[in-house]
N, C-alpha and C. Protein backbone atom coordinates (compact mmCIF):
# COMPACT_ATOMS: atom_id res chain seq x y z
N MET A 1 136.87 -54.00 -37.87
CA MET A 1 136.03 -54.89 -37.45
C MET A 1 134.66 -55.20 -38.64
N CYS A 2 134.41 -54.11 -39.13
CA CYS A 2 133.21 -54.26 -40.35
C CYS A 2 134.04 -55.18 -41.39
N ASN A 3 135.36 -54.74 -41.40
CA ASN A 3 135.79 -55.84 -42.82
C ASN A 3 135.98 -57.10 -42.22
N GLN A 4 136.21 -57.48 -41.08
CA GLN A 4 136.20 -58.72 -40.67
C GLN A 4 134.73 -59.43 -40.51
N ILE A 5 133.78 -58.82 -40.24
CA ILE A 5 132.34 -59.18 -40.27
C ILE A 5 132.02 -59.81 -41.82
N ALA A 6 132.26 -58.58 -42.77
CA ALA A 6 132.09 -58.83 -44.25
C ALA A 6 132.69 -60.22 -44.64
N ILE A 7 133.98 -60.27 -44.30
CA ILE A 7 134.89 -61.55 -44.63
C ILE A 7 134.33 -62.75 -44.12
N ALA A 8 133.89 -62.75 -42.78
CA ALA A 8 133.54 -63.81 -42.20
C ALA A 8 132.32 -64.61 -43.10
N SER A 9 131.40 -63.94 -43.21
CA SER A 9 130.07 -64.54 -43.80
C SER A 9 130.57 -64.68 -45.32
N ASN A 10 131.30 -63.99 -45.90
CA ASN A 10 131.77 -64.04 -47.45
C ASN A 10 132.68 -65.44 -47.68
N MET A 11 133.57 -65.79 -46.56
CA MET A 11 134.29 -66.82 -46.59
C MET A 11 133.29 -67.98 -46.70
N MET A 12 132.22 -68.25 -45.86
CA MET A 12 131.32 -69.17 -45.89
C MET A 12 130.84 -69.49 -47.20
N GLY A 13 130.34 -68.27 -47.84
CA GLY A 13 129.77 -68.43 -49.23
C GLY A 13 130.69 -68.82 -50.14
N VAL A 14 132.09 -68.40 -50.26
CA VAL A 14 133.05 -68.69 -51.05
C VAL A 14 133.00 -70.49 -50.96
N CYS A 15 133.48 -70.84 -49.63
CA CYS A 15 133.63 -72.21 -49.48
C CYS A 15 132.37 -73.29 -49.84
N GLU A 16 131.27 -72.85 -49.54
CA GLU A 16 129.94 -73.47 -49.79
C GLU A 16 129.74 -73.66 -51.48
N ALA A 17 129.88 -72.40 -51.75
CA ALA A 17 129.92 -72.61 -53.67
C ALA A 17 130.94 -73.26 -54.12
N ILE A 18 132.14 -73.39 -53.66
CA ILE A 18 133.25 -74.26 -54.30
C ILE A 18 132.82 -75.78 -53.95
N ALA A 19 132.31 -76.08 -52.89
CA ALA A 19 131.89 -77.54 -52.49
C ALA A 19 130.71 -77.91 -53.27
N TYR A 20 129.76 -76.91 -53.37
CA TYR A 20 128.63 -77.31 -54.20
C TYR A 20 129.15 -77.56 -55.52
N ALA A 21 129.81 -76.89 -56.21
CA ALA A 21 130.19 -77.20 -57.57
C ALA A 21 130.88 -78.58 -57.69
N TRP A 22 131.97 -78.72 -56.88
CA TRP A 22 132.47 -80.08 -56.77
C TRP A 22 131.54 -81.07 -56.54
N LYS A 23 130.53 -81.13 -55.75
CA LYS A 23 129.59 -82.29 -55.57
C LYS A 23 128.43 -82.43 -56.37
N THR A 24 128.24 -81.39 -56.91
CA THR A 24 127.20 -81.53 -58.18
C THR A 24 127.64 -81.65 -59.47
N GLY A 25 128.98 -81.83 -59.67
CA GLY A 25 129.46 -82.27 -61.09
C GLY A 25 129.78 -81.03 -61.75
N LEU A 26 129.75 -80.08 -61.30
CA LEU A 26 130.08 -78.67 -62.16
C LEU A 26 131.58 -78.44 -61.93
N ASP A 27 132.16 -77.88 -63.00
CA ASP A 27 133.56 -77.33 -63.03
C ASP A 27 133.79 -76.40 -62.31
N PRO A 28 134.41 -76.45 -61.06
CA PRO A 28 134.91 -75.23 -60.20
C PRO A 28 135.25 -73.93 -60.83
N GLU A 29 136.35 -74.44 -61.53
CA GLU A 29 137.12 -73.48 -62.23
C GLU A 29 136.16 -72.48 -63.06
N LYS A 30 135.02 -73.38 -63.83
CA LYS A 30 134.24 -72.40 -64.83
C LYS A 30 133.32 -71.69 -63.70
N VAL A 31 132.77 -72.27 -62.67
CA VAL A 31 131.99 -71.57 -61.99
C VAL A 31 132.75 -70.22 -61.40
N LEU A 32 133.80 -70.45 -60.70
CA LEU A 32 134.35 -69.22 -60.49
C LEU A 32 134.73 -68.09 -61.56
N GLN A 33 134.95 -68.47 -62.44
CA GLN A 33 135.11 -67.83 -63.78
C GLN A 33 133.41 -66.77 -64.10
N SER A 34 132.64 -67.78 -64.04
CA SER A 34 131.20 -67.23 -64.06
C SER A 34 130.85 -66.18 -63.12
N ILE A 35 131.07 -66.70 -61.95
CA ILE A 35 130.52 -65.82 -60.81
C ILE A 35 131.23 -64.82 -60.20
N GLY A 36 132.59 -64.77 -60.59
CA GLY A 36 133.57 -63.87 -59.94
C GLY A 36 133.56 -62.32 -60.50
N SER A 37 132.87 -62.37 -61.78
CA SER A 37 132.77 -61.15 -62.30
C SER A 37 131.58 -60.43 -62.17
N GLY A 38 130.52 -61.32 -61.46
CA GLY A 38 129.08 -60.75 -61.18
C GLY A 38 128.82 -60.11 -59.93
N ALA A 39 127.67 -60.20 -59.37
CA ALA A 39 127.33 -59.70 -58.12
C ALA A 39 127.81 -60.49 -56.90
N ALA A 40 128.24 -61.78 -57.19
CA ALA A 40 128.93 -62.69 -56.20
C ALA A 40 130.33 -62.52 -56.06
N GLY A 41 130.94 -61.80 -56.95
CA GLY A 41 132.43 -61.50 -57.19
C GLY A 41 133.07 -60.79 -55.98
N SER A 42 133.86 -61.07 -55.42
CA SER A 42 134.71 -60.41 -54.32
C SER A 42 136.17 -60.88 -54.31
N TRP A 43 137.06 -60.14 -53.41
CA TRP A 43 138.30 -60.50 -53.55
C TRP A 43 138.53 -61.83 -53.09
N SER A 44 137.87 -62.55 -52.06
CA SER A 44 137.99 -63.72 -51.24
C SER A 44 137.83 -64.74 -52.61
N LEU A 45 136.57 -64.27 -53.19
CA LEU A 45 136.24 -65.62 -54.26
C LEU A 45 137.28 -65.64 -55.46
N ASN A 46 137.54 -64.46 -55.90
CA ASN A 46 138.67 -64.41 -56.92
C ASN A 46 140.19 -64.81 -56.57
N ASN A 47 140.48 -64.58 -55.42
CA ASN A 47 142.01 -64.78 -55.01
C ASN A 47 141.86 -66.07 -54.05
N LEU A 48 140.99 -66.12 -53.24
CA LEU A 48 141.31 -67.58 -52.14
C LEU A 48 140.60 -68.59 -52.94
N GLY A 49 139.52 -68.62 -53.77
CA GLY A 49 139.00 -69.65 -54.53
C GLY A 49 139.75 -70.36 -55.53
N PRO A 50 140.52 -69.96 -56.19
CA PRO A 50 141.68 -70.64 -56.98
C PRO A 50 142.70 -71.43 -55.83
N ARG A 51 143.07 -70.86 -54.67
CA ARG A 51 143.73 -71.14 -53.80
C ARG A 51 143.15 -72.64 -53.04
N ILE A 52 141.86 -72.35 -52.88
CA ILE A 52 141.11 -73.60 -52.12
C ILE A 52 141.16 -74.65 -53.24
N MET A 53 140.93 -74.63 -54.57
CA MET A 53 141.00 -75.77 -55.56
C MET A 53 142.07 -76.31 -55.62
N ARG A 54 143.09 -75.64 -55.45
CA ARG A 54 144.52 -76.27 -55.36
C ARG A 54 144.87 -76.90 -54.26
N GLY A 55 144.06 -76.76 -53.25
CA GLY A 55 144.57 -77.32 -51.81
C GLY A 55 145.54 -76.38 -51.19
N ASP A 56 145.60 -75.15 -51.40
CA ASP A 56 146.72 -74.35 -50.87
C ASP A 56 145.90 -73.38 -49.71
N PHE A 57 146.30 -73.84 -48.57
CA PHE A 57 145.78 -73.07 -47.25
C PHE A 57 146.79 -72.81 -46.65
N GLU A 58 147.68 -72.08 -47.41
CA GLU A 58 148.80 -71.26 -46.76
C GLU A 58 148.23 -69.94 -46.12
N PRO A 59 148.63 -69.55 -44.92
CA PRO A 59 147.91 -68.14 -44.70
C PRO A 59 148.49 -66.80 -45.42
N GLY A 60 147.37 -66.16 -45.62
CA GLY A 60 147.80 -64.58 -45.79
C GLY A 60 147.24 -64.07 -44.44
N PHE A 61 146.10 -64.39 -43.89
CA PHE A 61 145.66 -64.28 -42.83
C PHE A 61 145.35 -65.44 -41.90
N TYR A 62 146.03 -65.71 -40.77
CA TYR A 62 145.55 -66.75 -40.13
C TYR A 62 144.22 -67.03 -39.20
N VAL A 63 143.76 -68.14 -39.37
CA VAL A 63 142.62 -68.60 -38.67
C VAL A 63 142.48 -68.17 -37.47
N LYS A 64 143.55 -68.57 -36.51
CA LYS A 64 143.52 -67.96 -35.06
C LYS A 64 143.38 -66.52 -34.96
N HIS A 65 143.94 -65.92 -35.58
CA HIS A 65 143.90 -64.30 -35.74
C HIS A 65 142.54 -63.92 -35.95
N PHE A 66 141.87 -64.48 -37.04
CA PHE A 66 140.52 -64.37 -37.63
C PHE A 66 139.64 -64.71 -36.45
N ILE A 67 139.80 -65.59 -35.55
CA ILE A 67 138.85 -65.98 -34.60
C ILE A 67 138.86 -64.97 -33.51
N LYS A 68 140.14 -64.31 -32.98
CA LYS A 68 140.27 -63.37 -32.42
C LYS A 68 139.52 -62.03 -32.60
N ASP A 69 139.70 -61.71 -33.77
CA ASP A 69 139.21 -60.54 -34.38
C ASP A 69 137.50 -60.73 -34.40
N MET A 70 137.00 -61.83 -34.67
CA MET A 70 135.69 -62.39 -34.81
C MET A 70 134.84 -61.89 -33.39
N LYS A 71 135.78 -62.58 -32.29
CA LYS A 71 135.30 -62.48 -31.03
C LYS A 71 135.15 -61.16 -30.35
N ILE A 72 136.14 -60.38 -30.91
CA ILE A 72 136.25 -58.85 -30.48
C ILE A 72 134.79 -58.15 -31.06
N ALA A 73 134.56 -58.67 -32.46
CA ALA A 73 133.47 -57.80 -33.00
C ALA A 73 132.27 -58.54 -32.33
N LEU A 74 132.10 -59.63 -31.91
CA LEU A 74 130.98 -60.40 -31.18
C LEU A 74 130.65 -59.67 -29.95
N GLU A 75 131.56 -59.45 -29.32
CA GLU A 75 131.41 -58.67 -28.11
C GLU A 75 130.82 -57.48 -27.98
N THR A 76 131.32 -56.51 -29.05
CA THR A 76 131.22 -55.21 -29.42
C THR A 76 129.67 -55.37 -29.69
N ALA A 77 129.39 -56.29 -30.82
CA ALA A 77 127.87 -56.49 -31.23
C ALA A 77 126.87 -56.65 -30.23
N ASN A 78 127.29 -57.36 -29.11
CA ASN A 78 126.43 -57.60 -27.95
C ASN A 78 126.39 -56.43 -27.19
N GLU A 79 127.26 -55.62 -27.12
CA GLU A 79 127.36 -54.39 -26.12
C GLU A 79 126.22 -53.50 -26.71
N VAL A 80 126.00 -53.35 -27.98
CA VAL A 80 125.31 -52.53 -28.76
C VAL A 80 123.92 -53.11 -29.24
N GLY A 81 123.78 -54.22 -28.71
CA GLY A 81 122.45 -54.79 -29.26
C GLY A 81 122.33 -55.33 -30.59
N LEU A 82 123.22 -55.73 -31.21
CA LEU A 82 123.26 -56.17 -32.40
C LEU A 82 123.24 -57.66 -32.64
N GLN A 83 122.41 -58.24 -33.13
CA GLN A 83 122.48 -59.68 -33.51
C GLN A 83 123.18 -60.15 -34.68
N ALA A 84 124.19 -60.48 -34.57
CA ALA A 84 125.25 -60.57 -35.64
C ALA A 84 125.17 -62.21 -35.91
N HIS A 85 124.22 -62.75 -36.48
CA HIS A 85 123.79 -63.95 -36.65
C HIS A 85 124.87 -64.73 -37.59
N GLY A 86 125.19 -64.09 -38.79
CA GLY A 86 126.19 -64.62 -39.71
C GLY A 86 127.65 -64.63 -39.06
N LEU A 87 127.94 -63.62 -38.31
CA LEU A 87 129.25 -63.62 -37.73
C LEU A 87 129.47 -64.65 -36.62
N LYS A 88 128.18 -64.67 -35.80
CA LYS A 88 128.45 -66.08 -34.84
C LYS A 88 128.53 -67.50 -35.43
N LEU A 89 127.93 -67.53 -36.60
CA LEU A 89 127.91 -68.82 -37.22
C LEU A 89 129.48 -68.87 -37.64
N ALA A 90 129.96 -67.80 -38.46
CA ALA A 90 131.30 -67.84 -38.74
C ALA A 90 132.08 -68.26 -37.92
N CYS A 91 132.28 -67.49 -36.81
CA CYS A 91 132.92 -67.70 -35.60
C CYS A 91 133.14 -69.25 -35.01
N GLU A 92 131.61 -69.63 -34.95
CA GLU A 92 131.71 -71.01 -34.49
C GLU A 92 132.37 -72.19 -35.40
N LEU A 93 132.17 -71.78 -36.64
CA LEU A 93 132.70 -72.71 -37.63
C LEU A 93 134.26 -72.64 -37.76
N TYR A 94 134.86 -71.52 -37.56
CA TYR A 94 136.15 -71.23 -37.61
C TYR A 94 136.80 -71.88 -36.26
N GLU A 95 136.03 -71.64 -35.17
CA GLU A 95 136.47 -72.48 -34.02
C GLU A 95 136.55 -73.96 -34.12
N LYS A 96 135.61 -74.51 -34.70
CA LYS A 96 135.64 -75.88 -34.90
C LYS A 96 136.94 -76.24 -35.77
N LEU A 97 137.24 -75.41 -36.94
CA LEU A 97 138.42 -75.64 -37.55
C LEU A 97 139.64 -75.69 -36.93
N ALA A 98 139.88 -74.55 -36.04
CA ALA A 98 140.99 -74.54 -35.07
C ALA A 98 140.94 -75.74 -34.21
N GLU A 99 140.02 -76.10 -33.68
CA GLU A 99 139.96 -77.50 -32.75
C GLU A 99 140.55 -78.56 -33.62
N MET A 100 140.35 -78.72 -35.01
CA MET A 100 141.07 -79.64 -35.66
C MET A 100 142.36 -79.55 -36.28
N GLY A 101 142.90 -78.71 -35.55
CA GLY A 101 144.49 -78.43 -35.74
C GLY A 101 144.72 -77.20 -36.80
N GLU A 102 143.82 -76.43 -37.36
CA GLU A 102 144.17 -75.68 -38.53
C GLU A 102 144.26 -74.18 -38.01
N GLY A 103 144.45 -73.98 -36.91
CA GLY A 103 144.69 -72.27 -36.40
C GLY A 103 145.77 -71.55 -37.15
N ASN A 104 146.68 -72.45 -37.52
CA ASN A 104 147.90 -71.85 -38.35
C ASN A 104 147.83 -71.78 -39.90
N ARG A 105 146.48 -72.18 -40.36
CA ARG A 105 146.09 -72.11 -41.79
C ARG A 105 145.48 -70.60 -42.16
N GLY A 106 145.48 -70.69 -43.51
CA GLY A 106 144.77 -69.23 -43.78
C GLY A 106 143.41 -69.42 -43.82
N THR A 107 142.55 -68.21 -43.85
CA THR A 107 141.09 -68.23 -43.84
C THR A 107 140.37 -69.18 -44.65
N GLN A 108 140.98 -69.46 -45.79
CA GLN A 108 140.30 -70.25 -46.95
C GLN A 108 140.26 -71.73 -46.34
N ALA A 109 141.06 -72.17 -45.40
CA ALA A 109 140.90 -73.44 -44.85
C ALA A 109 139.66 -73.67 -44.25
N LEU A 110 138.93 -72.74 -44.19
CA LEU A 110 137.36 -73.11 -43.70
C LEU A 110 136.72 -74.21 -44.90
N TYR A 111 137.32 -74.45 -45.92
CA TYR A 111 136.82 -75.04 -46.98
C TYR A 111 136.78 -76.72 -46.23
N LYS A 112 138.06 -77.05 -45.44
CA LYS A 112 138.01 -78.10 -45.11
C LYS A 112 136.91 -78.75 -44.36
N LEU A 113 135.74 -77.86 -44.03
CA LEU A 113 134.65 -78.29 -42.98
C LEU A 113 133.74 -78.77 -44.16
N TYR A 114 133.93 -78.43 -45.24
CA TYR A 114 132.87 -78.66 -46.26
C TYR A 114 133.29 -79.96 -47.10
N GLU A 115 134.80 -80.43 -47.23
CA GLU A 115 135.15 -81.64 -47.80
C GLU A 115 134.25 -82.80 -47.40
């Protein structure tokens, strides 16, 4: 669950960074090259970022399974008194994505909410 929690917030950041690059006129490929080897670098940024830019939303891990895992983590967090604000927001966003019919896409499909 810790892995899923870390990925949930990270995927929001990856998607927002790419959307920001596009909308502000930056070259998203150069942005990924620039930040991918620094403190913002992550497997999701370096592997799913390029897929997002190509419009490749095929699953490595399904949105619908990610939602299931996030809900389990949120239930456990509530049981132990942890306010998991980032996880809660990520889960809400992914649920919205699933409501759009994207439950069988990969987690990088979150980007579709930012287009």
